[in-house]
Each structure stands twice: as structure tokens, then as C-alpha cells.
N, C-alpha and C. Protein backbone atom coordinates (compact mmCIF):
# COMPACT_ATOMS: atom_id res chain seq x y z
N UNK A 1 -31.04 32.81 69.29
CA UNK A 1 -29.73 33.00 69.45
C UNK A 1 -29.69 32.84 70.97
N UNK A 2 -28.84 31.84 71.28
CA UNK A 2 -28.52 31.42 73.07
C UNK A 2 -27.19 31.88 73.71
N UNK A 3 -26.76 32.42 74.45
CA UNK A 3 -26.14 32.71 75.23
C UNK A 3 -24.90 31.47 75.91
N UNK A 4 -24.01 31.95 75.29
CA UNK A 4 -22.99 30.66 76.10
C UNK A 4 -21.70 31.65 76.84
N UNK A 5 -21.87 30.83 78.01
CA UNK A 5 -20.37 31.74 78.49
C UNK A 5 -18.80 30.81 78.81
N UNK A 6 -17.95 31.17 78.10
CA UNK A 6 -16.58 30.44 77.79
C UNK A 6 -15.73 31.13 78.27
N UNK A 7 -14.34 30.47 79.00
CA UNK A 7 -12.91 31.30 79.49
C UNK A 7 -12.28 31.63 78.33
N UNK A 8 -11.99 32.65 78.15
CA UNK A 8 -11.00 33.37 76.93
C UNK A 8 -9.76 33.70 77.46
N UNK A 9 -8.58 33.53 76.89
CA UNK A 9 -7.33 34.12 77.66
C UNK A 9 -7.62 35.54 77.48
N UNK A 10 -6.71 35.78 78.20
CA UNK A 10 -6.24 37.65 78.45
C UNK A 10 -6.37 38.30 77.18
N UNK A 11 -5.12 37.32 75.94
CA UNK A 11 -4.51 37.77 75.45
C UNK A 11 -5.44 37.67 74.13
N UNK A 12 -6.62 37.06 73.93
CA UNK A 12 -7.53 36.95 72.88
C UNK A 12 -8.63 38.21 73.05
N UNK A 13 -8.60 38.02 74.17
CA UNK A 13 -9.63 39.61 74.30
C UNK A 13 -9.39 40.61 74.09
N UNK A 14 -7.79 40.81 74.53
CA UNK A 14 -7.26 41.86 74.31
C UNK A 14 -6.99 42.29 72.57
N UNK A 15 -6.74 41.33 71.71
CA UNK A 15 -6.71 40.86 70.27
C UNK A 15 -8.50 41.39 69.59
N UNK A 16 -9.24 40.85 70.38
CA UNK A 16 -10.67 41.06 70.20
C UNK A 16 -11.16 42.69 70.34
N UNK A 17 -10.58 43.11 71.37
CA UNK A 17 -10.54 44.70 71.44
C UNK A 17 -9.95 45.45 70.48
N UNK A 18 -9.04 45.30 70.10
CA UNK A 18 -7.95 45.61 68.78
C UNK A 18 -9.16 45.39 67.57
N UNK A 19 -9.62 44.39 67.32
CA UNK A 19 -10.58 44.16 65.91
C UNK A 19 -12.19 45.14 66.40
N UNK A 20 -11.90 45.21 67.22
CA UNK A 20 -13.65 46.27 67.56
C UNK A 20 -13.24 47.61 67.43
N UNK A 21 -11.80 47.92 68.40
CA UNK A 21 -11.71 49.30 68.19
C UNK A 21 -11.01 49.89 66.95
N UNK A 22 -10.83 49.05 65.86
CA UNK A 22 -10.51 49.31 64.43
C UNK A 22 -11.81 49.31 63.25
N UNK A 23 -12.99 48.92 64.37
CA UNK A 23 -13.79 48.98 63.28
C UNK A 23 -14.39 47.62 62.27
N UNK A 24 -13.72 46.51 63.01
CA UNK A 24 -13.56 45.33 61.72
C UNK A 24 -14.59 45.08 61.91
N UNK A 25 -15.11 44.80 63.39
CA UNK A 25 -16.43 43.86 63.96
C UNK A 25 -16.94 45.13 64.91
N UNK A 26 -18.33 45.05 64.97
CA UNK A 26 -19.02 46.34 66.05
C UNK A 26 -18.88 45.99 67.12
N UNK A 27 -18.39 44.76 67.73
CA UNK A 27 -18.17 44.62 69.26
C UNK A 27 -17.77 42.88 69.35
N UNK A 28 -17.26 42.72 70.57
CA UNK A 28 -16.89 41.04 70.91
C UNK A 28 -17.34 40.05 70.34
N UNK A 29 -18.78 39.94 70.60
CA UNK A 29 -19.55 39.02 69.98
C UNK A 29 -19.86 38.62 68.74
N UNK A 30 -20.07 39.68 68.16
CA UNK A 30 -19.77 39.67 66.65
C UNK A 30 -18.61 38.80 66.06
N UNK A 31 -17.43 39.12 66.54
CA UNK A 31 -16.02 38.52 65.92
C UNK A 31 -16.15 37.30 66.49
N UNK A 32 -16.65 37.01 67.58
CA UNK A 32 -16.33 35.51 68.16
C UNK A 32 -17.44 34.78 67.06
N UNK A 33 -18.92 35.30 66.98
CA UNK A 33 -19.66 34.75 65.96
C UNK A 33 -18.74 34.40 64.58
N UNK A 34 -17.96 35.21 64.19
CA UNK A 34 -17.89 35.44 63.13
C UNK A 34 -16.73 34.30 62.94
N UNK A 35 -15.61 34.25 64.26
CA UNK A 35 -14.47 33.13 63.84
C UNK A 35 -15.32 31.88 64.14
N UNK A 36 -16.10 31.33 64.79
CA UNK A 36 -17.23 30.67 65.29
C UNK A 36 -17.10 29.99 64.15
N UNK A 37 -18.14 30.92 62.91
CA UNK A 37 -18.92 30.15 61.56
C UNK A 37 -17.37 30.21 60.79
N UNK A 38 -16.55 30.65 60.80
CA UNK A 38 -15.62 30.34 59.87
C UNK A 38 -14.67 29.24 60.16
N UNK A 39 -14.82 28.90 61.61
CA UNK A 39 -14.21 27.31 61.84
C UNK A 39 -14.92 26.35 61.42
N UNK A 40 -16.34 26.62 61.75
CA UNK A 40 -16.76 25.31 61.46
C UNK A 40 -17.36 25.25 59.59
N UNK A 41 -16.85 26.44 58.84
CA UNK A 41 -17.26 26.03 57.77
C UNK A 41 -15.60 25.25 57.24
N UNK A 42 -14.69 25.88 57.69
CA UNK A 42 -13.77 25.59 56.98
C UNK A 42 -13.41 24.02 57.62
N UNK A 43 -13.66 23.44 58.50
CA UNK A 43 -13.47 22.05 59.12
C UNK A 43 -14.71 21.22 58.03
N UNK A 44 -15.39 21.56 57.59
CA UNK A 44 -16.71 20.92 57.04
C UNK A 44 -15.65 20.85 55.72
N UNK A 45 -15.31 22.22 55.10
CA UNK A 45 -14.67 22.01 53.71
C UNK A 45 -13.38 20.98 53.34
N UNK A 46 -12.81 20.90 54.95
CA UNK A 46 -11.67 19.87 55.07
C UNK A 46 -12.12 18.82 54.93
N UNK A 47 -13.43 18.53 55.76
CA UNK A 47 -13.85 17.14 56.04
C UNK A 47 -14.14 16.46 54.58
N UNK A 48 -14.65 17.57 53.88
CA UNK A 48 -15.02 17.65 52.29
C UNK A 48 -14.09 16.63 51.41
N UNK A 49 -13.17 17.38 51.70
CA UNK A 49 -11.89 17.42 50.48
C UNK A 49 -11.28 16.09 50.82
N UNK A 50 -11.38 15.93 52.04
CA UNK A 50 -10.61 14.44 52.56
C UNK A 50 -11.51 13.22 52.49
N UNK A 51 -12.82 13.75 52.52
CA UNK A 51 -13.87 12.79 51.74
C UNK A 51 -13.74 11.75 50.42
N UNK A 52 -13.88 13.11 49.53
CA UNK A 52 -13.64 13.48 47.96
C UNK A 52 -12.30 12.65 47.56
N UNK A 53 -11.16 13.32 48.10
CA UNK A 53 -9.52 12.14 48.06
C UNK A 53 -9.85 10.91 48.16
N UNK A 54 -10.41 10.34 49.41
CA UNK A 54 -10.66 9.20 49.68
C UNK A 54 -11.40 8.56 48.77
N UNK A 55 -12.65 8.93 48.60
CA UNK A 55 -13.56 8.26 47.25
C UNK A 55 -12.48 8.44 46.15
N UNK A 56 -12.03 8.91 45.58
CA UNK A 56 -11.42 8.99 44.38
C UNK A 56 -10.02 8.01 44.40
N UNK A 57 -9.80 8.00 45.42
CA UNK A 57 -8.69 6.87 45.92
C UNK A 57 -9.07 5.62 45.60
N UNK A 58 -10.38 5.40 46.24
CA UNK A 58 -10.65 4.73 46.21
C UNK A 58 -11.45 3.79 44.80
N UNK A 59 -11.79 4.75 44.02
CA UNK A 59 -12.21 4.79 42.82
C UNK A 59 -11.16 4.37 41.73
N UNK A 60 -10.29 4.74 41.81
CA UNK A 60 -9.07 4.93 41.28
C UNK A 60 -8.31 3.19 41.66
N UNK A 61 -8.34 2.73 42.70
CA UNK A 61 -8.20 1.34 42.87
C UNK A 61 -8.80 0.36 42.57
N UNK A 62 -10.65 0.68 42.72
CA UNK A 62 -11.45 -0.10 42.11
C UNK A 62 -11.35 -0.19 40.63
N UNK A 63 -10.69 0.70 39.63
CA UNK A 63 -10.72 0.83 38.57
C UNK A 63 -9.59 0.15 37.67
N UNK A 64 -8.38 0.31 38.66
CA UNK A 64 -7.01 -0.53 38.58
C UNK A 64 -7.24 -2.07 38.54
N UNK A 65 -8.11 -2.81 39.58
CA UNK A 65 -8.38 -3.77 39.75
C UNK A 65 -9.59 -4.44 38.56
N UNK A 66 -10.30 -4.05 38.22
CA UNK A 66 -11.19 -4.26 37.12
C UNK A 66 -10.13 -4.32 35.56
N UNK A 67 -9.19 -3.40 35.73
CA UNK A 67 -8.45 -3.39 34.53
C UNK A 67 -7.74 -4.71 34.21
N UNK A 68 -7.35 -4.84 35.60
CA UNK A 68 -6.31 -6.24 35.55
C UNK A 68 -6.56 -7.30 35.52
């Protein structure tokens, strides 16, 4: 794992501290890693969904053209 320095708004840090205090995460770093992992996964899923939708529309368009 590599270390990365970032500037984070104070309100985010306060929220992270609440998550740690409530033992939802063991520390700030783990909370941030989890958030980044979820963001990446969600963006990939969204991209895949958009690609599938485009492919479906393209297939339907081709099918309609072949039928006409």
C-alpha cells in the first residue's frame, strides 16, 4: 500500500471521526479506503450499465433495420 496526502474539508474529517467513534470503522484510513473502493465499484457498475444500455439500443436498431 502507498501513502497519499490529500486535503479534506474539516466537516468530512469530523464525520470520519464520528464513524470511528461509533466503531463503524477502526480508523480514518480504513473509512477512506472503504469510501474510495465503493466509489470505484459504483462508477464501474454505472459505466457497465450505460454500456449495456447502449449495446441493447444498438442491437434493437440493427434488428429493426434488418426487419424492414
